[in-house]
Amino acid sequence: MSSAQEVVGLTAWPENESEVSADALIKHAARLVLDTSARADLMMPAVYPKVGEATRDQAAYTRWVQAITAEVSAAQVAVLLGEVQKHSPELADDLARKLWDFAQEPSLLYEMAWEYLDARGVDAESVRAAAEAKAKEAPGV
């Protein structure tokens, strides 16, 4: 097994509920941050060419923004779980299980987003409609 495979194994997404813990998700999220950062760095020449060279590749720029967004999201998960874990390891593990459940059943993510928006006075239907309209305008869709 290569060292890269070993690292991925040590930081892999839990395959079953018995493997889920705050530590497991923190390690996984932290690896995703580093992995995504490395890929985003490789995209930089197409995204930000040197002065006098070809203009920026819009498709590459879109992929780069998506990678950076994924990197930030993974970092947020690691930070939040780590901070909660300092105060309540049990609560952090409970949150990790909830996050894992969401990934196992993606429809839960949409239900959660809908409920969170509605509970905060934001019409989730309008947000979804705006997201669909924006997606249709995106390059490559």
C-alpha atoms as a PDB file:
ATOM      1  CA  MET A   1       0.000   0.000   0.000  1.00  0.00           C
ATOM      2  CA  SER A   2       1.380   3.419  -0.927  1.00  0.00           C
ATOM      3  CA  SER A   3       1.811   6.118   1.682  1.00  0.00           C
ATOM      4  CA  ALA A   4      -0.955   8.125  -0.034  1.00  0.00           C
ATOM      5  CA  GLN A   5      -3.344   5.200   0.345  1.00  0.00           C
ATOM      6  CA  GLU A   6      -2.365   4.842   4.005  1.00  0.00           C
ATOM      7  CA  VAL A   7      -3.062   8.527   4.660  1.00  0.00           C
ATOM      8  CA  VAL A   8      -6.415   8.302   2.930  1.00  0.00           C
ATOM      9  CA  GLY A   9      -7.186   5.202   4.993  1.00  0.00           C
ATOM     10  CA  LEU A  10      -6.367   7.037   8.230  1.00  0.00           C
ATOM     11  CA  THR A  11      -8.599   9.936   7.223  1.00  0.00           C
ATOM     12  CA  ALA A  12     -11.347   8.133   5.310  1.00  0.00           C
ATOM     13  CA  TRP A  13     -15.032   8.903   5.630  1.00  0.00           C
ATOM     14  CA  PRO A  14     -16.499   6.369   8.077  1.00  0.00           C
ATOM     15  CA  GLU A  15     -18.042   3.426   6.249  1.00  0.00           C
ATOM     16  CA  ASN A  16     -20.474   2.500   9.003  1.00  0.00           C
ATOM     17  CA  GLU A  17     -22.052   4.142  12.009  1.00  0.00           C
ATOM     18  CA  SER A  18     -19.801   2.377  14.513  1.00  0.00           C
ATOM     19  CA  GLU A  19     -16.787   4.229  13.014  1.00  0.00           C
ATOM     20  CA  VAL A  20     -18.390   7.676  13.319  1.00  0.00           C
ATOM     21  CA  SER A  21     -16.925  10.113  15.825  1.00  0.00           C
ATOM     22  CA  ALA A  22     -15.977  13.761  15.925  1.00  0.00           C
ATOM     23  CA  ASP A  23     -12.327  12.737  15.578  1.00  0.00           C
ATOM     24  CA  ALA A  24     -13.067  10.687  12.451  1.00  0.00           C
ATOM     25  CA  LEU A  25     -14.932  13.543  10.759  1.00  0.00           C
ATOM     26  CA  ILE A  26     -12.358  16.134  11.851  1.00  0.00           C
ATOM     27  CA  LYS A  27      -9.542  14.042  10.335  1.00  0.00           C
ATOM     28  CA  HIS A  28     -11.537  13.490   7.156  1.00  0.00           C
ATOM     29  CA  ALA A  29     -12.430  17.179   6.811  1.00  0.00           C
ATOM     30  CA  ALA A  30      -8.848  18.290   7.486  1.00  0.00           C
ATOM     31  CA  ARG A  31      -7.557  15.929   4.788  1.00  0.00           C
ATOM     32  CA  LEU A  32     -10.149  17.283   2.359  1.00  0.00           C
ATOM     33  CA  VAL A  33      -8.907  20.811   3.062  1.00  0.00           C
ATOM     34  CA  LEU A  34      -5.335  19.837   2.193  1.00  0.00           C
ATOM     35  CA  ASP A  35      -6.393  17.713  -0.781  1.00  0.00           C
ATOM     36  CA  THR A  36      -8.609  20.417  -2.230  1.00  0.00           C
ATOM     37  CA  SER A  37      -5.969  23.074  -1.635  1.00  0.00           C
ATOM     38  CA  ALA A  38      -3.412  21.033  -3.576  1.00  0.00           C
ATOM     39  CA  ARG A  39      -5.833  20.622  -6.498  1.00  0.00           C
ATOM     40  CA  ALA A  40      -6.789  24.324  -6.426  1.00  0.00           C
ATOM     41  CA  ASP A  41      -3.091  25.261  -6.548  1.00  0.00           C
ATOM     42  CA  LEU A  42      -2.684  23.189  -9.721  1.00  0.00           C
ATOM     43  CA  MET A  43      -5.559  25.102 -11.323  1.00  0.00           C
ATOM     44  CA  MET A  44      -3.980  28.503 -10.721  1.00  0.00           C
ATOM     45  CA  PRO A  45      -2.127  28.903 -14.052  1.00  0.00           C
ATOM     46  CA  ALA A  46      -5.395  28.561 -16.006  1.00  0.00           C
ATOM     47  CA  VAL A  47      -7.329  30.655 -13.516  1.00  0.00           C
ATOM     48  CA  TYR A  48      -4.854  33.520 -13.177  1.00  0.00           C
ATOM     49  CA  PRO A  49      -2.514  33.595 -16.162  1.00  0.00           C
ATOM     50  CA  LYS A  50       0.531  35.829 -16.082  1.00  0.00           C
ATOM     51  CA  VAL A  51       0.255  39.364 -17.393  1.00  0.00           C
ATOM     52  CA  GLY A  52       0.394  39.340 -21.186  1.00  0.00           C
ATOM     53  CA  GLU A  53      -0.689  35.702 -21.480  1.00  0.00           C
ATOM     54  CA  ALA A  54      -4.061  34.353 -22.538  1.00  0.00           C
ATOM     55  CA  THR A  55      -7.108  35.532 -20.661  1.00  0.00           C
ATOM     56  CA  ARG A  56      -8.501  33.571 -17.784  1.00  0.00           C
ATOM     57  CA  ASP A  57     -10.232  30.286 -18.656  1.00  0.00           C
ATOM     58  CA  GLN A  58     -13.776  30.846 -17.328  1.00  0.00           C
ATOM     59  CA  ALA A  59     -14.516  27.121 -16.944  1.00  0.00           C
ATOM     60  CA  ALA A  60     -11.261  26.643 -14.994  1.00  0.00           C
ATOM     61  CA  TYR A  61     -12.129  29.651 -12.850  1.00  0.00           C
ATOM     62  CA  THR A  62     -15.559  28.153 -12.059  1.00  0.00           C
ATOM     63  CA  ARG A  63     -13.940  24.828 -11.071  1.00  0.00           C
ATOM     64  CA  TRP A  64     -11.400  26.703  -8.937  1.00  0.00           C
ATOM     65  CA  VAL A  65     -14.132  28.656  -7.101  1.00  0.00           C
ATOM     66  CA  GLN A  66     -15.998  25.394  -6.490  1.00  0.00           C
ATOM     67  CA  ALA A  67     -12.823  23.809  -5.123  1.00  0.00           C
ATOM     68  CA  ILE A  68     -12.152  26.745  -2.800  1.00  0.00           C
ATOM     69  CA  THR A  69     -15.768  26.672  -1.617  1.00  0.00           C
ATOM     70  CA  ALA A  70     -15.449  22.946  -0.874  1.00  0.00           C
ATOM     71  CA  GLU A  71     -12.180  23.595   0.959  1.00  0.00           C
ATOM     72  CA  VAL A  72     -13.770  26.269   3.157  1.00  0.00           C
ATOM     73  CA  SER A  73     -16.793  24.047   3.864  1.00  0.00           C
ATOM     74  CA  ALA A  74     -14.587  21.159   4.953  1.00  0.00           C
ATOM     75  CA  ALA A  75     -12.559  23.507   7.162  1.00  0.00           C
ATOM     76  CA  GLN A  76     -15.756  24.805   8.756  1.00  0.00           C
ATOM     77  CA  VAL A  77     -16.818  21.266   9.687  1.00  0.00           C
ATOM     78  CA  ALA A  78     -13.414  20.545  11.245  1.00  0.00           C
ATOM     79  CA  VAL A  79     -13.359  23.818  13.185  1.00  0.00           C
ATOM     80  CA  LEU A  80     -16.911  23.516  14.490  1.00  0.00           C
ATOM     81  CA  LEU A  81     -16.558  19.899  15.553  1.00  0.00           C
ATOM     82  CA  GLY A  82     -13.181  20.640  17.139  1.00  0.00           C
ATOM     83  CA  GLU A  83     -14.532  23.596  19.112  1.00  0.00           C
ATOM     84  CA  VAL A  84     -17.594  21.684  20.304  1.00  0.00           C
ATOM     85  CA  GLN A  85     -15.357  18.735  21.221  1.00  0.00           C
ATOM     86  CA  LYS A  86     -13.322  20.970  23.577  1.00  0.00           C
ATOM     87  CA  HIS A  87     -16.463  21.667  25.611  1.00  0.00           C
ATOM     88  CA  SER A  88     -18.440  18.467  25.157  1.00  0.00           C
ATOM     89  CA  PRO A  89     -16.902  15.422  23.477  1.00  0.00           C
ATOM     90  CA  GLU A  90     -20.261  13.646  23.670  1.00  0.00           C
ATOM     91  CA  LEU A  91     -22.078  16.466  21.876  1.00  0.00           C
ATOM     92  CA  ALA A  92     -19.331  16.584  19.236  1.00  0.00           C
ATOM     93  CA  ASP A  93     -19.746  12.853  18.587  1.00  0.00           C
ATOM     94  CA  ASP A  94     -23.540  13.299  18.419  1.00  0.00           C
ATOM     95  CA  LEU A  95     -23.092  16.082  15.862  1.00  0.00           C
ATOM     96  CA  ALA A  96     -20.669  13.920  13.886  1.00  0.00           C
ATOM     97  CA  ARG A  97     -23.267  11.141  13.740  1.00  0.00           C
ATOM     98  CA  LYS A  98     -25.875  13.641  12.549  1.00  0.00           C
ATOM     99  CA  LEU A  99     -23.527  14.887   9.816  1.00  0.00           C
ATOM    100  CA  TRP A 100     -22.758  11.306   8.805  1.00  0.00           C
ATOM    101  CA  ASP A 101     -26.479  10.517   8.644  1.00  0.00           C
ATOM    102  CA  PHE A 102     -27.010  13.496   6.341  1.00  0.00           C
ATOM    103  CA  ALA A 103     -24.357  12.177   3.979  1.00  0.00           C
ATOM    104  CA  GLN A 104     -25.889   8.711   4.014  1.00  0.00           C
ATOM    105  CA  GLU A 105     -29.346  10.057   3.178  1.00  0.00           C
ATOM    106  CA  PRO A 106     -28.964  13.204   1.034  1.00  0.00           C
ATOM    107  CA  SER A 107     -32.679  14.002   1.174  1.00  0.00           C
ATOM    108  CA  LEU A 108     -32.111  14.849   4.846  1.00  0.00           C
ATOM    109  CA  LEU A 109     -29.834  17.713   3.741  1.00  0.00           C
ATOM    110  CA  TYR A 110     -32.585  19.278   1.676  1.00  0.00           C
ATOM    111  CA  GLU A 111     -35.151  18.833   4.448  1.00  0.00           C
ATOM    112  CA  MET A 112     -32.737  20.386   6.949  1.00  0.00           C
ATOM    113  CA  ALA A 113     -31.998  23.354   4.684  1.00  0.00           C
ATOM    114  CA  TRP A 114     -35.694  23.880   4.070  1.00  0.00           C
ATOM    115  CA  GLU A 115     -36.530  23.738   7.788  1.00  0.00           C
ATOM    116  CA  TYR A 116     -33.625  25.976   8.826  1.00  0.00           C
ATOM    117  CA  LEU A 117     -34.533  28.661   6.291  1.00  0.00           C
ATOM    118  CA  ASP A 118     -38.252  28.593   7.050  1.00  0.00           C
ATOM    119  CA  ALA A 119     -37.602  28.704  10.814  1.00  0.00           C
ATOM    120  CA  ARG A 120     -35.547  31.864  10.275  1.00  0.00           C
ATOM    121  CA  GLY A 121     -38.158  33.662   8.201  1.00  0.00           C
ATOM    122  CA  VAL A 122     -36.611  32.943   4.792  1.00  0.00           C
ATOM    123  CA  ASP A 123     -38.901  31.407   2.185  1.00  0.00           C
ATOM    124  CA  ALA A 124     -37.101  28.195   1.195  1.00  0.00           C
ATOM    125  CA  GLU A 125     -39.194  27.866  -1.974  1.00  0.00           C
ATOM    126  CA  SER A 126     -37.949  31.264  -3.179  1.00  0.00           C
ATOM    127  CA  VAL A 127     -34.350  30.360  -2.357  1.00  0.00           C
ATOM    128  CA  ARG A 128     -34.681  27.112  -4.325  1.00  0.00           C
ATOM    129  CA  ALA A 129     -36.241  28.920  -7.305  1.00  0.00           C
ATOM    130  CA  ALA A 130     -33.438  31.506  -7.297  1.00  0.00           C
ATOM    131  CA  ALA A 131     -30.831  28.733  -7.084  1.00  0.00           C
ATOM    132  CA  GLU A 132     -32.389  26.929 -10.058  1.00  0.00           C
ATOM    133  CA  ALA A 133     -32.429  30.150 -12.110  1.00  0.00           C
ATOM    134  CA  LYS A 134     -28.787  30.853 -11.236  1.00  0.00           C
ATOM    135  CA  ALA A 135     -27.774  27.278 -12.092  1.00  0.00           C
ATOM    136  CA  LYS A 136     -29.308  27.615 -15.547  1.00  0.00           C
ATOM    137  CA  GLU A 137     -27.139  30.689 -16.184  1.00  0.00           C
ATOM    138  CA  ALA A 138     -23.918  28.943 -15.124  1.00  0.00           C
ATOM    139  CA  PRO A 139     -21.407  27.981 -17.804  1.00  0.00           C
ATOM    140  CA  GLY A 140     -21.465  24.333 -18.763  1.00  0.00           C
ATOM    141  CA  VAL A 141     -25.008  23.666 -17.584  1.00  0.00           C
END
